[in-house]
PDB file of N, CA and C in Angstrom:
ATOM      1  N   UNK A   1     122.286  68.451  89.151  1.00  0.00           N
ATOM      2  CA  UNK A   1     122.858  69.254  90.212  1.00  0.00           C
ATOM      3  C   UNK A   1     124.145  68.624  90.746  1.00  0.00           C
ATOM      4  N   UNK A   2     124.185  67.285  90.793  1.00  0.00           N
ATOM      5  CA  UNK A   2     125.371  66.607  91.315  1.00  0.00           C
ATOM      6  C   UNK A   2     126.610  66.979  90.523  1.00  0.00           C
ATOM      7  N   UNK A   3     126.490  67.016  89.196  1.00  0.00           N
ATOM      8  CA  UNK A   3     127.624  67.363  88.356  1.00  0.00           C
ATOM      9  C   UNK A   3     128.090  68.783  88.591  1.00  0.00           C
ATOM     10  N   UNK A   4     127.150  69.691  88.799  1.00  0.00           N
ATOM     11  CA  UNK A   4     127.506  71.074  89.091  1.00  0.00           C
ATOM     12  C   UNK A   4     128.216  71.150  90.435  1.00  0.00           C
ATOM     13  N   UNK A   5     127.687  70.440  91.414  1.00  0.00           N
ATOM     14  CA  UNK A   5     128.296  70.441  92.744  1.00  0.00           C
ATOM     15  C   UNK A   5     129.712  69.864  92.690  1.00  0.00           C
ATOM     16  N   UNK A   6     129.911  68.804  91.927  1.00  0.00           N
ATOM     17  CA  UNK A   6     131.251  68.223  91.793  1.00  0.00           C
ATOM     18  C   UNK A   6     132.225  69.244  91.217  1.00  0.00           C
ATOM     19  N   UNK A   7     131.812  69.941  90.164  1.00  0.00           N
ATOM     20  CA  UNK A   7     132.666  70.953  89.562  1.00  0.00           C
ATOM     21  C   UNK A   7     133.010  72.070  90.535  1.00  0.00           C
ATOM     22  N   UNK A   8     132.037  72.496  91.320  1.00  0.00           N
ATOM     23  CA  UNK A   8     132.265  73.559  92.302  1.00  0.00           C
ATOM     24  C   UNK A   8     133.178  73.076  93.435  1.00  0.00           C
ATOM     25  N   UNK A   9     133.008  71.843  93.851  1.00  0.00           N
ATOM     26  CA  UNK A   9     133.888  71.269  94.883  1.00  0.00           C
ATOM     27  C   UNK A   9     135.323  71.228  94.374  1.00  0.00           C
ATOM     28  N   UNK A  10     135.492  70.797  93.141  1.00  0.00           N
ATOM     29  CA  UNK A  10     136.838  70.743  92.567  1.00  0.00           C
ATOM     30  C   UNK A  10     137.460  72.135  92.515  1.00  0.00           C
ATOM     31  N   UNK A  11     136.679  73.152  92.167  1.00  0.00           N
ATOM     32  CA  UNK A  11     137.213  74.511  92.105  1.00  0.00           C
ATOM     33  C   UNK A  11     137.624  74.990  93.502  1.00  0.00           C
ATOM     34  N   UNK A  12     136.841  74.671  94.508  1.00  0.00           N
ATOM     35  CA  UNK A  12     137.190  75.041  95.888  1.00  0.00           C
ATOM     36  C   UNK A  12     138.504  74.376  96.282  1.00  0.00           C
ATOM     37  N   UNK A  13     138.645  73.106  95.955  1.00  0.00           N
ATOM     38  CA  UNK A  13     139.882  72.388  96.280  1.00  0.00           C
ATOM     39  C   UNK A  13     141.047  72.953  95.471  1.00  0.00           C
ATOM     40  N   UNK A  14     140.767  73.395  94.256  1.00  0.00           N
ATOM     41  CA  UNK A  14     141.815  73.980  93.417  1.00  0.00           C
ATOM     42  C   UNK A  14     142.363  75.266  94.042  1.00  0.00           C
ATOM     43  N   UNK A  15     141.521  76.000  94.744  1.00  0.00           N
ATOM     44  CA  UNK A  15     141.937  77.267  95.345  1.00  0.00           C
ATOM     45  C   UNK A  15     142.885  77.052  96.522  1.00  0.00           C
ATOM     46  N   UNK A  16     142.659  75.982  97.285  1.00  0.00           N
ATOM     47  CA  UNK A  16     143.519  75.683  98.428  1.00  0.00           C
ATOM     48  C   UNK A  16     143.273  74.260  98.900  1.00  0.00           C
ATOM     49  N   UNK A  17     144.311  73.601  99.361  1.00  0.00           N
ATOM     50  CA  UNK A  17     144.143  72.271  99.945  1.00  0.00           C
ATOM     51  C   UNK A  17     143.209  72.419 101.144  1.00  0.00           C
ATOM     52  N   UNK A  18     142.220  71.569 101.236  1.00  0.00           N
ATOM     53  CA  UNK A  18     141.196  71.751 102.258  1.00  0.00           C
ATOM     54  C   UNK A  18     140.588  70.416 102.670  1.00  0.00           C
ATOM     55  N   UNK A  19     139.765  70.437 103.702  1.00  0.00           N
ATOM     56  CA  UNK A  19     139.126  69.232 104.230  1.00  0.00           C
ATOM     57  C   UNK A  19     137.605  69.352 104.126  1.00  0.00           C
ATOM     58  N   UNK A  20     136.921  68.261 104.365  1.00  0.00           N
ATOM     59  CA  UNK A  20     135.493  68.152 104.119  1.00  0.00           C
ATOM     60  C   UNK A  20     134.619  69.229 104.712  1.00  0.00           C
ATOM     61  N   UNK A  21     134.707  69.446 106.020  1.00  0.00           N
ATOM     62  CA  UNK A  21     133.812  70.422 106.644  1.00  0.00           C
ATOM     63  C   UNK A  21     134.066  71.826 106.109  1.00  0.00           C
ATOM     64  N   UNK A  22     135.316  72.141 105.860  1.00  0.00           N
ATOM     65  CA  UNK A  22     135.637  73.456 105.308  1.00  0.00           C
ATOM     66  C   UNK A  22     135.038  73.614 103.906  1.00  0.00           C
ATOM     67  N   UNK A  23     135.024  72.541 103.130  1.00  0.00           N
ATOM     68  CA  UNK A  23     134.409  72.588 101.796  1.00  0.00           C
ATOM     69  C   UNK A  23     132.920  72.878 101.931  1.00  0.00           C
ATOM     70  N   UNK A  24     132.253  72.204 102.849  1.00  0.00           N
ATOM     71  CA  UNK A  24     130.815  72.421 103.054  1.00  0.00           C
ATOM     72  C   UNK A  24     130.546  73.873 103.437  1.00  0.00           C
ATOM     73  N   UNK A  25     131.318  74.415 104.354  1.00  0.00           N
ATOM     74  CA  UNK A  25     131.071  75.803 104.778  1.00  0.00           C
ATOM     75  C   UNK A  25     131.347  76.786 103.639  1.00  0.00           C
ATOM     76  N   UNK A  26     132.325  76.496 102.802  1.00  0.00           N
ATOM     77  CA  UNK A  26     132.575  77.363 101.641  1.00  0.00           C
ATOM     78  C   UNK A  26     131.417  77.269 100.655  1.00  0.00           C
ATOM     79  N   UNK A  27     130.871  76.062 100.464  1.00  0.00           N
ATOM     80  CA  UNK A  27     129.698  75.921  99.598  1.00  0.00           C
ATOM     81  C   UNK A  27     128.538  76.747 100.139  1.00  0.00           C
ATOM     82  N   UNK A  28     128.325  76.701 101.450  1.00  0.00           N
ATOM     83  CA  UNK A  28     127.263  77.513 102.067  1.00  0.00           C
ATOM     84  C   UNK A  28     127.507  78.989 101.787  1.00  0.00           C
ATOM     85  N   UNK A  29     128.757  79.428 101.962  1.00  0.00           N
ATOM     86  CA  UNK A  29     129.107  80.833 101.725  1.00  0.00           C
ATOM     87  C   UNK A  29     128.784  81.264 100.296  1.00  0.00           C
ATOM     88  N   UNK A  30     128.935  80.335  99.348  1.00  0.00           N
ATOM     89  CA  UNK A  30     128.658  80.635  97.948  1.00  0.00           C
ATOM     90  C   UNK A  30     127.185  80.467  97.578  1.00  0.00           C
ATOM     91  N   UNK A  31     126.343  80.098  98.533  1.00  0.00           N
ATOM     92  CA  UNK A  31     124.915  80.001  98.271  1.00  0.00           C
ATOM     93  C   UNK A  31     124.359  78.601  98.117  1.00  0.00           C
ATOM     94  N   UNK A  32     125.206  77.584  98.219  1.00  0.00           N
ATOM     95  CA  UNK A  32     124.725  76.200  98.156  1.00  0.00           C
ATOM     96  C   UNK A  32     124.261  75.786  99.553  1.00  0.00           C
ATOM     97  N   UNK A  33     123.176  76.399 100.007  1.00  0.00           N
ATOM     98  CA  UNK A  33     122.724  76.191 101.382  1.00  0.00           C
ATOM     99  C   UNK A  33     122.177  74.791 101.636  1.00  0.00           C
ATOM    100  N   UNK A  34     121.847  74.062 100.580  1.00  0.00           N
ATOM    101  CA  UNK A  34     121.356  72.688 100.746  1.00  0.00           C
ATOM    102  C   UNK A  34     122.488  71.669 100.845  1.00  0.00           C
ATOM    103  N   UNK A  35     123.724  72.109 100.633  1.00  0.00           N
ATOM    104  CA  UNK A  35     124.866  71.183 100.713  1.00  0.00           C
ATOM    105  C   UNK A  35     125.031  70.704 102.150  1.00  0.00           C
ATOM    106  N   UNK A  36     125.161  69.415 102.304  1.00  0.00           N
ATOM    107  CA  UNK A  36     125.314  68.794 103.625  1.00  0.00           C
ATOM    108  C   UNK A  36     126.532  67.891 103.612  1.00  0.00           C
ATOM    109  N   UNK A  37     127.080  67.652 104.788  1.00  0.00           N
ATOM    110  CA  UNK A  37     128.239  66.762 104.880  1.00  0.00           C
ATOM    111  C   UNK A  37     127.894  65.376 104.353  1.00  0.00           C
ATOM    112  N   UNK A  38     126.675  64.919 104.590  1.00  0.00           N
ATOM    113  CA  UNK A  38     126.250  63.608 104.117  1.00  0.00           C
ATOM    114  C   UNK A  38     126.222  63.510 102.605  1.00  0.00           C
ATOM    115  N   UNK A  39     126.079  64.634 101.933  1.00  0.00           N
ATOM    116  CA  UNK A  39     126.132  64.681 100.477  1.00  0.00           C
ATOM    117  C   UNK A  39     127.574  64.796 100.000  1.00  0.00           C
ATOM    118  N   UNK A  40     128.361  65.568 100.735  1.00  0.00           N
ATOM    119  CA  UNK A  40     129.720  65.872 100.321  1.00  0.00           C
ATOM    120  C   UNK A  40     130.647  64.669 100.330  1.00  0.00           C
ATOM    121  N   UNK A  41     130.650  63.908 101.421  1.00  0.00           N
ATOM    122  CA  UNK A  41     131.644  62.839 101.552  1.00  0.00           C
ATOM    123  C   UNK A  41     131.537  61.752 100.480  1.00  0.00           C
ATOM    124  N   UNK A  42     130.335  61.336 100.080  1.00  0.00           N
ATOM    125  CA  UNK A  42     130.275  60.390  98.948  1.00  0.00           C
ATOM    126  C   UNK A  42     130.820  61.000  97.651  1.00  0.00           C
ATOM    127  N   UNK A  43     130.591  62.313  97.442  1.00  0.00           N
ATOM    128  CA  UNK A  43     131.132  62.971  96.254  1.00  0.00           C
ATOM    129  C   UNK A  43     132.654  63.020  96.302  1.00  0.00           C
ATOM    130  N   UNK A  44     133.210  63.327  97.476  1.00  0.00           N
ATOM    131  CA  UNK A  44     134.671  63.343  97.611  1.00  0.00           C
ATOM    132  C   UNK A  44     135.255  61.962  97.336  1.00  0.00           C
ATOM    133  N   UNK A  45     134.607  60.932  97.835  1.00  0.00           N
ATOM    134  CA  UNK A  45     135.071  59.567  97.593  1.00  0.00           C
ATOM    135  C   UNK A  45     135.041  59.239  96.104  1.00  0.00           C
ATOM    136  N   UNK A  46     133.961  59.625  95.431  1.00  0.00           N
ATOM    137  CA  UNK A  46     133.839  59.373  93.995  1.00  0.00           C
ATOM    138  C   UNK A  46     134.919  60.138  93.220  1.00  0.00           C
ATOM    139  N   UNK A  47     135.160  61.403  93.591  1.00  0.00           N
ATOM    140  CA  UNK A  47     136.184  62.199  92.919  1.00  0.00           C
ATOM    141  C   UNK A  47     137.579  61.615  93.141  1.00  0.00           C
ATOM    142  N   UNK A  48     137.784  61.056  94.336  1.00  0.00           N
ATOM    143  CA  UNK A  48     139.072  60.421  94.630  1.00  0.00           C
ATOM    144  C   UNK A  48     139.248  59.139  93.811  1.00  0.00           C
ATOM    145  N   UNK A  49     138.178  58.351  93.714  1.00  0.00           N
ATOM    146  CA  UNK A  49     138.246  57.123  92.918  1.00  0.00           C
ATOM    147  C   UNK A  49     138.466  57.408  91.437  1.00  0.00           C
ATOM    148  N   UNK A  50     137.931  58.546  90.958  1.00  0.00           N
ATOM    149  CA  UNK A  50     138.128  58.941  89.565  1.00  0.00           C
ATOM    150  C   UNK A  50     139.537  59.493  89.328  1.00  0.00           C
ATOM    151  N   UNK A  51     140.289  59.701  90.391  1.00  0.00           N
ATOM    152  CA  UNK A  51     141.647  60.228  90.254  1.00  0.00           C
ATOM    153  C   UNK A  51     141.712  61.733  90.072  1.00  0.00           C
ATOM    154  N   UNK A  52     140.617  62.439  90.412  1.00  0.00           N
ATOM    155  CA  UNK A  52     140.591  63.884  90.246  1.00  0.00           C
ATOM    156  C   UNK A  52     141.122  64.625  91.475  1.00  0.00           C
ATOM    157  N   UNK A  53     141.038  63.975  92.635  1.00  0.00           N
ATOM    158  CA  UNK A  53     141.572  64.552  93.865  1.00  0.00           C
ATOM    159  C   UNK A  53     142.392  63.507  94.599  1.00  0.00           C
ATOM    160  N   UNK A  54     143.228  63.989  95.496  1.00  0.00           N
ATOM    161  CA  UNK A  54     144.052  63.105  96.314  1.00  0.00           C
ATOM    162  C   UNK A  54     143.835  63.519  97.766  1.00  0.00           C
ATOM    163  N   UNK A  55     143.578  62.554  98.632  1.00  0.00           N
ATOM    164  CA  UNK A  55     143.383  62.829 100.044  1.00  0.00           C
ATOM    165  C   UNK A  55     144.594  62.416 100.864  1.00  0.00           C
ATOM    166  N   UNK A  56     144.976  63.273 101.811  1.00  0.00           N
ATOM    167  CA  UNK A  56     146.111  63.013 102.681  1.00  0.00           C
ATOM    168  C   UNK A  56     145.718  63.352 104.109  1.00  0.00           C
ATOM    169  N   UNK A  57     145.939  62.424 105.037  1.00  0.00           N
ATOM    170  CA  UNK A  57     145.641  62.695 106.434  1.00  0.00           C
ATOM    171  C   UNK A  57     146.741  63.558 107.038  1.00  0.00           C
ATOM    172  N   UNK A  58     146.311  64.624 107.732  1.00  0.00           N
ATOM    173  CA  UNK A  58     147.249  65.536 108.382  1.00  0.00           C
ATOM    174  C   UNK A  58     146.759  65.851 109.789  1.00  0.00           C
ATOM    175  N   UNK A  59     147.692  66.219 110.639  1.00  0.00           N
ATOM    176  CA  UNK A  59     147.350  66.595 112.002  1.00  0.00           C
ATOM    177  C   UNK A  59     146.385  67.778 111.995  1.00  0.00           C
ATOM    178  N   UNK A  60     145.494  67.785 112.964  1.00  0.00           N
ATOM    179  CA  UNK A  60     144.558  68.878 113.145  1.00  0.00           C
ATOM    180  C   UNK A  60     144.828  69.545 114.490  1.00  0.00           C
ATOM    181  N   UNK A  61     144.766  70.857 114.553  1.00  0.00           N
ATOM    182  CA  UNK A  61     144.978  71.527 115.837  1.00  0.00           C
ATOM    183  C   UNK A  61     143.833  71.292 116.817  1.00  0.00           C
ATOM    184  N   UNK A  62     142.715  70.751 116.340  1.00  0.00           N
ATOM    185  CA  UNK A  62     141.521  70.609 117.174  1.00  0.00           C
ATOM    186  C   UNK A  62     141.100  69.172 117.439  1.00  0.00           C
ATOM    187  N   UNK A  63     141.975  68.212 117.257  1.00  0.00           N
ATOM    188  CA  UNK A  63     141.570  66.837 117.524  1.00  0.00           C
ATOM    189  C   UNK A  63     142.254  65.852 116.606  1.00  0.00           C
ATOM    190  N   UNK A  64     141.477  64.843 116.143  1.00  0.00           N
ATOM    191  CA  UNK A  64     142.071  63.793 115.314  1.00  0.00           C
ATOM    192  C   UNK A  64     142.517  64.332 113.952  1.00  0.00           C
ATOM    193  N   UNK A  65     143.304  63.523 113.272  1.00  0.00           N
ATOM    194  CA  UNK A  65     143.776  63.906 111.936  1.00  0.00           C
ATOM    195  C   UNK A  65     142.596  64.159 111.007  1.00  0.00           C
ATOM    196  N   UNK A  66     142.811  65.072 110.071  1.00  0.00           N
ATOM    197  CA  UNK A  66     141.811  65.378 109.046  1.00  0.00           C
ATOM    198  C   UNK A  66     142.340  64.926 107.693  1.00  0.00           C
ATOM    199  N   UNK A  67     141.415  64.588 106.831  1.00  0.00           N
ATOM    200  CA  UNK A  67     141.788  64.245 105.462  1.00  0.00           C
ATOM    201  C   UNK A  67     141.694  65.510 104.614  1.00  0.00           C
ATOM    202  N   UNK A  68     142.847  65.967 104.154  1.00  0.00           N
ATOM    203  CA  UNK A  68     142.927  67.145 103.301  1.00  0.00           C
ATOM    204  C   UNK A  68     142.970  66.714 101.850  1.00  0.00           C
ATOM    205  N   UNK A  69     142.276  67.467 101.016  1.00  0.00           N
ATOM    206  CA  UNK A  69     142.171  67.131  99.603  1.00  0.00           C
ATOM    207  C   UNK A  69     142.897  68.157  98.742  1.00  0.00           C
ATOM    208  N   UNK A  70     143.548  67.654  97.707  1.00  0.00           N
ATOM    209  CA  UNK A  70     144.179  68.505  96.701  1.00  0.00           C
ATOM    210  C   UNK A  70     143.865  67.908  95.335  1.00  0.00           C
ATOM    211  N   UNK A  71     143.972  68.744  94.306  1.00  0.00           N
ATOM    212  CA  UNK A  71     143.682  68.278  92.950  1.00  0.00           C
ATOM    213  C   UNK A  71     144.884  67.563  92.353  1.00  0.00           C
ATOM    214  N   UNK A  72     144.594  66.557  91.572  1.00  0.00           N
ATOM    215  CA  UNK A  72     145.607  65.907  90.758  1.00  0.00           C
ATOM    216  C   UNK A  72     145.704  66.686  89.439  1.00  0.00           C
ATOM    217  N   UNK A  73     146.621  66.312  88.596  1.00  0.00           N
ATOM    218  CA  UNK A  73     146.716  66.932  87.261  1.00  0.00           C
ATOM    219  C   UNK A  73     145.407  66.734  86.511  1.00  0.00           C
ATOM    220  N   UNK A  74     144.845  65.533  86.603  1.00  0.00           N
ATOM    221  CA  UNK A  74     143.571  65.245  85.941  1.00  0.00           C
ATOM    222  C   UNK A  74     142.456  66.117  86.514  1.00  0.00           C
ATOM    223  N   UNK A  75     142.507  66.363  87.819  1.00  0.00           N
ATOM    224  CA  UNK A  75     141.513  67.225  88.458  1.00  0.00           C
ATOM    225  C   UNK A  75     141.607  68.653  87.963  1.00  0.00           C
ATOM    226  N   UNK A  76     142.827  69.148  87.819  1.00  0.00           N
ATOM    227  CA  UNK A  76     143.017  70.507  87.296  1.00  0.00           C
ATOM    228  C   UNK A  76     142.484  70.611  85.866  1.00  0.00           C
ATOM    229  N   UNK A  77     142.751  69.600  85.059  1.00  0.00           N
ATOM    230  CA  UNK A  77     142.234  69.585  83.686  1.00  0.00           C
ATOM    231  C   UNK A  77     140.708  69.562  83.689  1.00  0.00           C
ATOM    232  N   UNK A  78     140.123  68.774  84.604  1.00  0.00           N
ATOM    233  CA  UNK A  78     138.668  68.662  84.660  1.00  0.00           C
ATOM    234  C   UNK A  78     138.021  69.979  85.074  1.00  0.00           C
ATOM    235  N   UNK A  79     138.649  70.716  85.995  1.00  0.00           N
ATOM    236  CA  UNK A  79     138.100  72.009  86.415  1.00  0.00           C
ATOM    237  C   UNK A  79     137.972  72.929  85.206  1.00  0.00           C
ATOM    238  N   UNK A  80     138.977  72.952  84.358  1.00  0.00           N
ATOM    239  CA  UNK A  80     138.935  73.788  83.152  1.00  0.00           C
ATOM    240  C   UNK A  80     137.834  73.308  82.216  1.00  0.00           C
ATOM    241  N   UNK A  81     137.755  71.996  82.014  1.00  0.00           N
ATOM    242  CA  UNK A  81     136.703  71.426  81.160  1.00  0.00           C
ATOM    243  C   UNK A  81     135.313  71.770  81.714  1.00  0.00           C
ATOM    244  N   UNK A  82     135.129  71.600  83.021  1.00  0.00           N
ATOM    245  CA  UNK A  82     133.845  71.885  83.655  1.00  0.00           C
ATOM    246  C   UNK A  82     133.433  73.327  83.412  1.00  0.00           C
ATOM    247  N   UNK A  83     134.368  74.258  83.600  1.00  0.00           N
ATOM    248  CA  UNK A  83     134.027  75.671  83.457  1.00  0.00           C
ATOM    249  C   UNK A  83     133.638  76.004  82.021  1.00  0.00           C
ATOM    250  N   UNK A  84     134.349  75.447  81.066  1.00  0.00           N
ATOM    251  CA  UNK A  84     133.997  75.683  79.658  1.00  0.00           C
ATOM    252  C   UNK A  84     132.612  75.111  79.351  1.00  0.00           C
ATOM    253  N   UNK A  85     132.329  73.914  79.843  1.00  0.00           N
ATOM    254  CA  UNK A  85     131.016  73.299  79.632  1.00  0.00           C
ATOM    255  C   UNK A  85     129.925  74.113  80.319  1.00  0.00           C
ATOM    256  N   UNK A  86     130.220  74.623  81.514  1.00  0.00           N
ATOM    257  CA  UNK A  86     129.245  75.433  82.250  1.00  0.00           C
ATOM    258  C   UNK A  86     128.902  76.700  81.463  1.00  0.00           C
ATOM    259  N   UNK A  87     129.892  77.362  80.883  1.00  0.00           N
ATOM    260  CA  UNK A  87     129.631  78.585  80.119  1.00  0.00           C
ATOM    261  C   UNK A  87     128.705  78.299  78.943  1.00  0.00           C
ATOM    262  N   UNK A  88     128.879  77.148  78.300  1.00  0.00           N
ATOM    263  CA  UNK A  88     127.998  76.784  77.181  1.00  0.00           C
ATOM    264  C   UNK A  88     126.568  76.551  77.674  1.00  0.00           C
ATOM    265  N   UNK A  89     126.431  75.839  78.785  1.00  0.00           N
ATOM    266  CA  UNK A  89     125.091  75.570  79.338  1.00  0.00           C
ATOM    267  C   UNK A  89     124.439  76.879  79.765  1.00  0.00           C
ATOM    268  N   UNK A  90     125.202  77.725  80.434  1.00  0.00           N
ATOM    269  CA  UNK A  90     124.671  79.012  80.893  1.00  0.00           C
ATOM    270  C   UNK A  90     124.151  79.823  79.705  1.00  0.00           C
ATOM    271  N   UNK A  91     124.918  79.862  78.635  1.00  0.00           N
ATOM    272  CA  UNK A  91     124.507  80.614  77.445  1.00  0.00           C
ATOM    273  C   UNK A  91     123.244  80.017  76.836  1.00  0.00           C
ATOM    274  N   UNK A  92     123.171  78.709  76.797  1.00  0.00           N
ATOM    275  CA  UNK A  92     121.983  78.052  76.235  1.00  0.00           C
ATOM    276  C   UNK A  92     120.738  78.370  77.050  1.00  0.00           C
ATOM    277  N   UNK A  93     120.865  78.349  78.365  1.00  0.00           N
ATOM    278  CA  UNK A  93     119.721  78.671  79.227  1.00  0.00           C
ATOM    279  C   UNK A  93     119.304  80.123  79.017  1.00  0.00           C
ATOM    280  N   UNK A  94     120.269  81.015  78.930  1.00  0.00           N
ATOM    281  CA  UNK A  94     119.940  82.426  78.664  1.00  0.00           C
ATOM    282  C   UNK A  94     119.220  82.565  77.331  1.00  0.00           C
ATOM    283  N   UNK A  95     119.669  81.823  76.324  1.00  0.00           N
ATOM    284  CA  UNK A  95     119.002  81.876  75.018  1.00  0.00           C
ATOM    285  C   UNK A  95     117.554  81.407  75.127  1.00  0.00           C
ATOM    286  N   UNK A  96     117.343  80.310  75.831  1.00  0.00           N
ATOM    287  CA  UNK A  96     115.988  79.779  75.973  1.00  0.00           C
ATOM    288  C   UNK A  96     115.063  80.756  76.683  1.00  0.00           C
ATOM    289  N   UNK A  97     115.581  81.409  77.723  1.00  0.00           N
ATOM    290  CA  UNK A  97     114.766  82.335  78.493  1.00  0.00           C
ATOM    291  C   UNK A  97     114.754  83.753  77.930  1.00  0.00           C
ATOM    292  N   UNK A  98     115.408  83.946  76.784  1.00  0.00           N
ATOM    293  CA  UNK A  98     115.374  85.234  76.117  1.00  0.00           C
ATOM    294  C   UNK A  98     116.155  86.318  76.833  1.00  0.00           C
ATOM    295  N   UNK A  99     117.189  85.924  77.584  1.00  0.00           N
ATOM    296  CA  UNK A  99     117.948  86.895  78.347  1.00  0.00           C
ATOM    297  C   UNK A  99     119.191  87.366  77.598  1.00  0.00           C
ATOM    298  N   UNK A 100     119.411  86.873  76.408  1.00  0.00           N
ATOM    299  CA  UNK A 100     120.578  87.283  75.636  1.00  0.00           C
ATOM    300  C   UNK A 100     120.458  88.758  75.284  1.00  0.00           C
ATOM    301  N   UNK A 101     121.498  89.482  75.569  1.00  0.00           N
ATOM    302  CA  UNK A 101     121.535  90.898  75.218  1.00  0.00           C
ATOM    303  C   UNK A 101     120.906  91.815  76.252  1.00  0.00           C
ATOM    304  N   UNK A 102     120.393  91.286  77.337  1.00  0.00           N
ATOM    305  CA  UNK A 102     119.787  92.131  78.384  1.00  0.00           C
ATOM    306  C   UNK A 102     120.807  92.475  79.434  1.00  0.00           C
TER     307      UNK A 102
END
């Protein structure tokens, strides 16, 4: 599940530069209701260390600066790789459950 969540987080960041809490609420909107900030921030740190995202502190209209995330070139490449891998896994699961052609 962690790998799937990482791929989905990267896609959200790919759509628009964003910050942690906004990512969590977007995950909730997409049905990842178990996603929590305590889960998200270690994943963001790991993605940043891997060089897939870049964090920049920016002023916030509601208080202290926020760390906004954007994808690096490597992150954009990984999003494409993730989606292709996901389609293969999805097809395999459908094959196993006999849902092909339904």
